[in-house]
Amino acid sequence: MLGFVLAVGIPLGVLVGAIFWPERVPKDRTVDVIRQRIADEDGPPAGT
């Protein structure tokens, strides 16, 4: 019985951990940083 619990419990625990454990987003990959990088590449708005 213990073997069955381990054979099912360990993979189930890993699966739950992989689904619910949030991955940290690197600072240079946030929406605000990417938006700012695009704005910097585009330069100032035309006509100003």
PDB file of N, CA and C in Angstrom:
ATOM      1  N   MET A   1       0.823  -1.208   0.000  1.00  0.00           N
ATOM      2  CA  MET A   1       0.000   0.000   0.000  1.00  0.00           C
ATOM      3  C   MET A   1       0.862   1.265   0.000  1.00  0.00           C
ATOM      4  N   LEU A   2       1.955   1.232   0.747  1.00  0.00           N
ATOM      5  CA  LEU A   2       2.836   2.401   0.808  1.00  0.00           C
ATOM      6  C   LEU A   2       3.446   2.696  -0.559  1.00  0.00           C
ATOM      7  N   GLY A   3       3.797   1.650  -1.285  1.00  0.00           N
ATOM      8  CA  GLY A   3       4.366   1.839  -2.621  1.00  0.00           C
ATOM      9  C   GLY A   3       3.382   2.507  -3.563  1.00  0.00           C
ATOM     10  N   PHE A   4       2.131   2.117  -3.477  1.00  0.00           N
ATOM     11  CA  PHE A   4       1.106   2.733  -4.321  1.00  0.00           C
ATOM     12  C   PHE A   4       0.920   4.204  -3.976  1.00  0.00           C
ATOM     13  N   VAL A   5       0.911   4.515  -2.701  1.00  0.00           N
ATOM     14  CA  VAL A   5       0.757   5.899  -2.270  1.00  0.00           C
ATOM     15  C   VAL A   5       1.931   6.729  -2.776  1.00  0.00           C
ATOM     16  N   LEU A   6       3.127   6.199  -2.680  1.00  0.00           N
ATOM     17  CA  LEU A   6       4.304   6.919  -3.183  1.00  0.00           C
ATOM     18  C   LEU A   6       4.293   7.027  -4.704  1.00  0.00           C
ATOM     19  N   ALA A   7       3.903   5.958  -5.380  1.00  0.00           N
ATOM     20  CA  ALA A   7       3.897   5.955  -6.844  1.00  0.00           C
ATOM     21  C   ALA A   7       2.876   6.938  -7.411  1.00  0.00           C
ATOM     22  N   VAL A   8       1.810   7.188  -6.692  1.00  0.00           N
ATOM     23  CA  VAL A   8       0.792   8.135  -7.143  1.00  0.00           C
ATOM     24  C   VAL A   8       1.021   9.509  -6.518  1.00  0.00           C
ATOM     25  N   GLY A   9       1.395   9.543  -5.267  1.00  0.00           N
ATOM     26  CA  GLY A   9       1.507  10.795  -4.536  1.00  0.00           C
ATOM     27  C   GLY A   9       2.641  11.691  -5.009  1.00  0.00           C
ATOM     28  N   ILE A  10       3.811  11.127  -5.288  1.00  0.00           N
ATOM     29  CA  ILE A  10       4.951  11.951  -5.707  1.00  0.00           C
ATOM     30  C   ILE A  10       4.698  12.609  -7.066  1.00  0.00           C
ATOM     31  N   PRO A  11       4.307  11.863  -8.098  1.00  0.00           N
ATOM     32  CA  PRO A  11       4.017  12.548  -9.368  1.00  0.00           C
ATOM     33  C   PRO A  11       2.861  13.545  -9.256  1.00  0.00           C
ATOM     34  N   LEU A  12       1.866  13.223  -8.460  1.00  0.00           N
ATOM     35  CA  LEU A  12       0.747  14.147  -8.269  1.00  0.00           C
ATOM     36  C   LEU A  12       1.220  15.426  -7.576  1.00  0.00           C
ATOM     37  N   GLY A  13       2.078  15.288  -6.600  1.00  0.00           N
ATOM     38  CA  GLY A  13       2.628  16.457  -5.919  1.00  0.00           C
ATOM     39  C   GLY A  13       3.467  17.317  -6.851  1.00  0.00           C
ATOM     40  N   VAL A  14       4.252  16.688  -7.705  1.00  0.00           N
ATOM     41  CA  VAL A  14       5.057  17.430  -8.679  1.00  0.00           C
ATOM     42  C   VAL A  14       4.149  18.156  -9.671  1.00  0.00           C
ATOM     43  N   LEU A  15       3.112  17.495 -10.123  1.00  0.00           N
ATOM     44  CA  LEU A  15       2.174  18.110 -11.060  1.00  0.00           C
ATOM     45  C   LEU A  15       1.476  19.319 -10.434  1.00  0.00           C
ATOM     46  N   VAL A  16       1.003  19.179  -9.233  1.00  0.00           N
ATOM     47  CA  VAL A  16       0.339  20.297  -8.543  1.00  0.00           C
ATOM     48  C   VAL A  16       1.332  21.437  -8.340  1.00  0.00           C
ATOM     49  N   GLY A  17       2.551  21.118  -7.956  1.00  0.00           N
ATOM     50  CA  GLY A  17       3.567  22.150  -7.778  1.00  0.00           C
ATOM     51  C   GLY A  17       3.882  22.874  -9.072  1.00  0.00           C
ATOM     52  N   ALA A  18       3.953  22.142 -10.172  1.00  0.00           N
ATOM     53  CA  ALA A  18       4.254  22.760 -11.467  1.00  0.00           C
ATOM     54  C   ALA A  18       3.109  23.651 -11.944  1.00  0.00           C
ATOM     55  N   ILE A  19       1.894  23.298 -11.604  1.00  0.00           N
ATOM     56  CA  ILE A  19       0.746  24.088 -12.050  1.00  0.00           C
ATOM     57  C   ILE A  19       0.572  25.337 -11.189  1.00  0.00           C
ATOM     58  N   PHE A  20       0.713  25.214  -9.897  1.00  0.00           N
ATOM     59  CA  PHE A  20       0.367  26.311  -8.997  1.00  0.00           C
ATOM     60  C   PHE A  20       1.550  27.147  -8.527  1.00  0.00           C
ATOM     61  N   TRP A  21       2.782  26.715  -8.780  1.00  0.00           N
ATOM     62  CA  TRP A  21       3.944  27.483  -8.355  1.00  0.00           C
ATOM     63  C   TRP A  21       4.248  28.519  -9.425  1.00  0.00           C
ATOM     64  N   PRO A  22       4.064  29.804  -9.156  1.00  0.00           N
ATOM     65  CA  PRO A  22       4.264  30.823 -10.192  1.00  0.00           C
ATOM     66  C   PRO A  22       5.744  30.997 -10.529  1.00  0.00           C
ATOM     67  N   GLU A  23       6.017  31.152 -11.800  1.00  0.00           N
ATOM     68  CA  GLU A  23       7.379  31.395 -12.248  1.00  0.00           C
ATOM     69  C   GLU A  23       7.630  32.899 -12.198  1.00  0.00           C
ATOM     70  N   ARG A  24       8.761  33.275 -11.671  1.00  0.00           N
ATOM     71  CA  ARG A  24       9.096  34.696 -11.565  1.00  0.00           C
ATOM     72  C   ARG A  24       9.418  35.252 -12.946  1.00  0.00           C
ATOM     73  N   VAL A  25       8.828  36.402 -13.259  1.00  0.00           N
ATOM     74  CA  VAL A  25       9.070  37.064 -14.533  1.00  0.00           C
ATOM     75  C   VAL A  25      10.313  37.947 -14.375  1.00  0.00           C
ATOM     76  N   PRO A  26      11.315  37.772 -15.252  1.00  0.00           N
ATOM     77  CA  PRO A  26      12.500  38.636 -15.156  1.00  0.00           C
ATOM     78  C   PRO A  26      12.103  40.103 -15.316  1.00  0.00           C
ATOM     79  N   LYS A  27      12.872  40.988 -14.685  1.00  0.00           N
ATOM     80  CA  LYS A  27      12.548  42.417 -14.688  1.00  0.00           C
ATOM     81  C   LYS A  27      12.489  42.989 -16.102  1.00  0.00           C
ATOM     82  N   ASP A  28      13.314  42.471 -17.018  1.00  0.00           N
ATOM     83  CA  ASP A  28      13.336  43.026 -18.370  1.00  0.00           C
ATOM     84  C   ASP A  28      12.280  42.392 -19.276  1.00  0.00           C
ATOM     85  N   ARG A  29      11.388  41.585 -18.717  1.00  0.00           N
ATOM     86  CA  ARG A  29      10.342  40.938 -19.506  1.00  0.00           C
ATOM     87  C   ARG A  29       8.943  41.361 -19.072  1.00  0.00           C
ATOM     88  N   THR A  30       8.823  42.396 -18.260  1.00  0.00           N
ATOM     89  CA  THR A  30       7.503  42.847 -17.837  1.00  0.00           C
ATOM     90  C   THR A  30       6.864  43.675 -18.954  1.00  0.00           C
ATOM     91  N   VAL A  31       5.562  43.814 -18.886  1.00  0.00           N
ATOM     92  CA  VAL A  31       4.824  44.545 -19.921  1.00  0.00           C
ATOM     93  C   VAL A  31       5.297  45.994 -19.992  1.00  0.00           C
ATOM     94  N   ASP A  32       5.481  46.612 -18.840  1.00  0.00           N
ATOM     95  CA  ASP A  32       5.887  48.018 -18.826  1.00  0.00           C
ATOM     96  C   ASP A  32       7.260  48.225 -19.456  1.00  0.00           C
ATOM     97  N   VAL A  33       8.203  47.333 -19.162  1.00  0.00           N
ATOM     98  CA  VAL A  33       9.554  47.479 -19.715  1.00  0.00           C
ATOM     99  C   VAL A  33       9.537  47.261 -21.223  1.00  0.00           C
ATOM    100  N   ILE A  34       8.796  46.251 -21.685  1.00  0.00           N
ATOM    101  CA  ILE A  34       8.716  46.003 -23.130  1.00  0.00           C
ATOM    102  C   ILE A  34       8.035  47.176 -23.829  1.00  0.00           C
ATOM    103  N   ARG A  35       6.973  47.715 -23.234  1.00  0.00           N
ATOM    104  CA  ARG A  35       6.280  48.869 -23.817  1.00  0.00           C
ATOM    105  C   ARG A  35       7.230  50.068 -23.914  1.00  0.00           C
ATOM    106  N   GLN A  36       8.033  50.285 -22.877  1.00  0.00           N
ATOM    107  CA  GLN A  36       8.979  51.394 -22.884  1.00  0.00           C
ATOM    108  C   GLN A  36      10.069  51.180 -23.934  1.00  0.00           C
ATOM    109  N   ARG A  37      10.533  49.953 -24.080  1.00  0.00           N
ATOM    110  CA  ARG A  37      11.555  49.651 -25.080  1.00  0.00           C
ATOM    111  C   ARG A  37      11.032  49.914 -26.488  1.00  0.00           C
ATOM    112  N   ILE A  38       9.778  49.535 -26.749  1.00  0.00           N
ATOM    113  CA  ILE A  38       9.188  49.790 -28.064  1.00  0.00           C
ATOM    114  C   ILE A  38       9.056  51.290 -28.306  1.00  0.00           C
ATOM    115  N   ALA A  39       8.624  52.025 -27.287  1.00  0.00           N
ATOM    116  CA  ALA A  39       8.490  53.478 -27.424  1.00  0.00           C
ATOM    117  C   ALA A  39       9.850  54.118 -27.682  1.00  0.00           C
ATOM    118  N   ASP A  40      10.890  53.622 -27.023  1.00  0.00           N
ATOM    119  CA  ASP A  40      12.239  54.165 -27.240  1.00  0.00           C
ATOM    120  C   ASP A  40      12.740  53.879 -28.653  1.00  0.00           C
ATOM    121  N   GLU A  41      12.426  52.691 -29.174  1.00  0.00           N
ATOM    122  CA  GLU A  41      12.856  52.346 -30.526  1.00  0.00           C
ATOM    123  C   GLU A  41      12.118  53.163 -31.575  1.00  0.00           C
ATOM    124  N   ASP A  42      10.840  53.467 -31.328  1.00  0.00           N
ATOM    125  CA  ASP A  42      10.044  54.221 -32.277  1.00  0.00           C
ATOM    126  C   ASP A  42      10.472  55.686 -32.329  1.00  0.00           C
ATOM    127  N   GLY A  43      11.023  56.188 -31.255  1.00  0.00           N
ATOM    128  CA  GLY A  43      11.422  57.593 -31.218  1.00  0.00           C
ATOM    129  C   GLY A  43      10.236  58.466 -30.891  1.00  0.00           C
ATOM    130  N   PRO A  44      10.417  59.780 -30.993  1.00  0.00           N
ATOM    131  CA  PRO A  44       9.316  60.701 -30.672  1.00  0.00           C
ATOM    132  C   PRO A  44       8.208  60.604 -31.720  1.00  0.00           C
ATOM    133  N   PRO A  45       6.990  60.923 -31.329  1.00  0.00           N
ATOM    134  CA  PRO A  45       5.867  60.884 -32.282  1.00  0.00           C
ATOM    135  C   PRO A  45       6.114  61.839 -33.456  1.00  0.00           C
ATOM    136  N   ALA A  46       5.661  61.454 -34.619  1.00  0.00           N
ATOM    137  CA  ALA A  46       5.852  62.273 -35.822  1.00  0.00           C
ATOM    138  C   ALA A  46       5.045  63.565 -35.716  1.00  0.00           C
ATOM    139  N   GLY A  47       5.612  64.663 -36.238  1.00  0.00           N
ATOM    140  CA  GLY A  47       4.909  65.915 -36.280  1.00  0.00           C
ATOM    141  C   GLY A  47       5.114  66.774 -35.051  1.00  0.00           C
ATOM    142  N   THR A  48       5.979  66.336 -34.128  1.00  0.00           N
ATOM    143  CA  THR A  48       6.210  67.164 -32.944  1.00  0.00           C
ATOM    144  C   THR A  48       7.604  67.699 -32.933  1.00  0.00           C
TER     145      THR A  48
END
